[in-house]
Amino acid sequence: MTTIEIVKIGRNLRRLREDRLLTQAELAERAGIALSSLVRIENDQVDPRFSSIRKLAEALDTDPRELTRGTRND
């Protein structure tokens, strides 16, 4: 049986965004995602799609694993 892992990246995403002195609007624009989507991801209200994780990581100039580090709920 396959298990789907839930990934909550909000805390890591906010930390990396703030480390780079970006606003939510700036990051959303760089990543090509809606600001409302970014806000929901940062607040762990939605499980981000893998494509969104990749876009955000690229916009933050980091590896996607940095966003998902220590986030899996078993």
C-alpha atoms as a PDB file:
ATOM      1  CA  MET A   1       0.000   0.000   0.000  1.00  0.00           C
ATOM      2  CA  THR A   2       1.293   3.458  -0.915  1.00  0.00           C
ATOM      3  CA  THR A   3       1.315   6.193   1.688  1.00  0.00           C
ATOM      4  CA  ILE A   4       0.968   9.833   0.783  1.00  0.00           C
ATOM      5  CA  GLU A   5       3.001  12.083   3.037  1.00  0.00           C
ATOM      6  CA  ILE A   6       1.598  15.428   4.077  1.00  0.00           C
ATOM      7  CA  VAL A   7       4.075  18.239   3.644  1.00  0.00           C
ATOM      8  CA  LYS A   8       3.693  21.499   5.539  1.00  0.00           C
ATOM      9  CA  ILE A   9       6.339  23.995   4.449  1.00  0.00           C
ATOM     10  CA  GLY A  10       4.970  27.216   5.935  1.00  0.00           C
ATOM     11  CA  ARG A  11       7.574  27.754   8.650  1.00  0.00           C
ATOM     12  CA  ASN A  12      10.517  26.992   6.342  1.00  0.00           C
ATOM     13  CA  LEU A  13       9.054  29.078   3.532  1.00  0.00           C
ATOM     14  CA  ARG A  14       8.517  32.118   5.768  1.00  0.00           C
ATOM     15  CA  ARG A  15      12.023  31.832   7.255  1.00  0.00           C
ATOM     16  CA  LEU A  16      13.698  31.633   3.840  1.00  0.00           C
ATOM     17  CA  ARG A  17      11.561  34.478   2.464  1.00  0.00           C
ATOM     18  CA  GLU A  18      12.362  36.714   5.416  1.00  0.00           C
ATOM     19  CA  ASP A  19      16.069  35.797   5.261  1.00  0.00           C
ATOM     20  CA  ARG A  20      16.044  37.176   1.717  1.00  0.00           C
ATOM     21  CA  LEU A  21      14.121  40.307   2.808  1.00  0.00           C
ATOM     22  CA  LEU A  22      11.240  39.577   0.437  1.00  0.00           C
ATOM     23  CA  THR A  23       7.605  40.431   0.972  1.00  0.00           C
ATOM     24  CA  GLN A  24       4.970  37.822   0.277  1.00  0.00           C
ATOM     25  CA  ALA A  25       3.929  39.790  -2.814  1.00  0.00           C
ATOM     26  CA  GLU A  26       7.501  39.883  -4.130  1.00  0.00           C
ATOM     27  CA  LEU A  27       7.982  36.145  -3.649  1.00  0.00           C
ATOM     28  CA  ALA A  28       4.625  35.320  -5.222  1.00  0.00           C
ATOM     29  CA  GLU A  29       5.533  37.390  -8.266  1.00  0.00           C
ATOM     30  CA  ARG A  30       9.000  35.819  -8.587  1.00  0.00           C
ATOM     31  CA  ALA A  31       7.549  32.318  -8.255  1.00  0.00           C
ATOM     32  CA  GLY A  32       4.652  32.984 -10.609  1.00  0.00           C
ATOM     33  CA  ILE A  33       1.981  31.959  -8.119  1.00  0.00           C
ATOM     34  CA  ALA A  34      -0.977  33.865  -6.720  1.00  0.00           C
ATOM     35  CA  LEU A  35      -0.352  35.890  -3.579  1.00  0.00           C
ATOM     36  CA  SER A  36      -3.374  34.247  -1.948  1.00  0.00           C
ATOM     37  CA  SER A  37      -1.844  30.819  -2.627  1.00  0.00           C
ATOM     38  CA  LEU A  38       1.453  31.859  -1.076  1.00  0.00           C
ATOM     39  CA  VAL A  39      -0.312  33.171   2.032  1.00  0.00           C
ATOM     40  CA  ARG A  40      -2.226  29.891   2.439  1.00  0.00           C
ATOM     41  CA  ILE A  41       0.983  27.859   1.981  1.00  0.00           C
ATOM     42  CA  GLU A  42       2.874  29.960   4.545  1.00  0.00           C
ATOM     43  CA  ASN A  43       0.008  29.528   7.011  1.00  0.00           C
ATOM     44  CA  ASP A  44      -0.096  25.751   6.384  1.00  0.00           C
ATOM     45  CA  GLN A  45      -3.725  26.010   5.294  1.00  0.00           C
ATOM     46  CA  VAL A  46      -3.085  23.981   2.136  1.00  0.00           C
ATOM     47  CA  ASP A  47      -0.728  21.241   1.060  1.00  0.00           C
ATOM     48  CA  PRO A  48       1.361  22.741  -1.742  1.00  0.00           C
ATOM     49  CA  ARG A  49       1.709  20.944  -5.036  1.00  0.00           C
ATOM     50  CA  PHE A  50       5.182  19.738  -5.901  1.00  0.00           C
ATOM     51  CA  SER A  51       5.220  22.164  -8.821  1.00  0.00           C
ATOM     52  CA  SER A  52       4.597  25.043  -6.400  1.00  0.00           C
ATOM     53  CA  ILE A  53       7.377  23.855  -4.112  1.00  0.00           C
ATOM     54  CA  ARG A  54       9.768  23.812  -7.067  1.00  0.00           C
ATOM     55  CA  LYS A  55       8.699  27.298  -8.193  1.00  0.00           C
ATOM     56  CA  LEU A  56       9.099  28.709  -4.701  1.00  0.00           C
ATOM     57  CA  ALA A  57      12.491  27.086  -4.234  1.00  0.00           C
ATOM     58  CA  GLU A  58      13.691  28.479  -7.548  1.00  0.00           C
ATOM     59  CA  ALA A  59      12.418  31.955  -6.665  1.00  0.00           C
ATOM     60  CA  LEU A  60      14.262  31.713  -3.332  1.00  0.00           C
ATOM     61  CA  ASP A  61      17.394  30.368  -5.039  1.00  0.00           C
ATOM     62  CA  THR A  62      17.416  27.260  -2.875  1.00  0.00           C
ATOM     63  CA  ASP A  63      16.986  23.527  -3.164  1.00  0.00           C
ATOM     64  CA  PRO A  64      13.380  22.306  -2.752  1.00  0.00           C
ATOM     65  CA  ARG A  65      14.608  20.067   0.064  1.00  0.00           C
ATOM     66  CA  GLU A  66      15.245  23.201   2.133  1.00  0.00           C
ATOM     67  CA  LEU A  67      11.525  23.914   2.038  1.00  0.00           C
ATOM     68  CA  THR A  68      10.503  20.381   2.959  1.00  0.00           C
ATOM     69  CA  ARG A  69      13.204  19.681   5.571  1.00  0.00           C
ATOM     70  CA  GLY A  70      11.660  18.375   8.790  1.00  0.00           C
ATOM     71  CA  THR A  71       8.083  18.851   7.589  1.00  0.00           C
ATOM     72  CA  ARG A  72       6.681  15.405   6.995  1.00  0.00           C
ATOM     73  CA  ASN A  73       3.859  14.294   9.281  1.00  0.00           C
ATOM     74  CA  ASP A  74       3.585  10.564   9.883  1.00  0.00           C
END
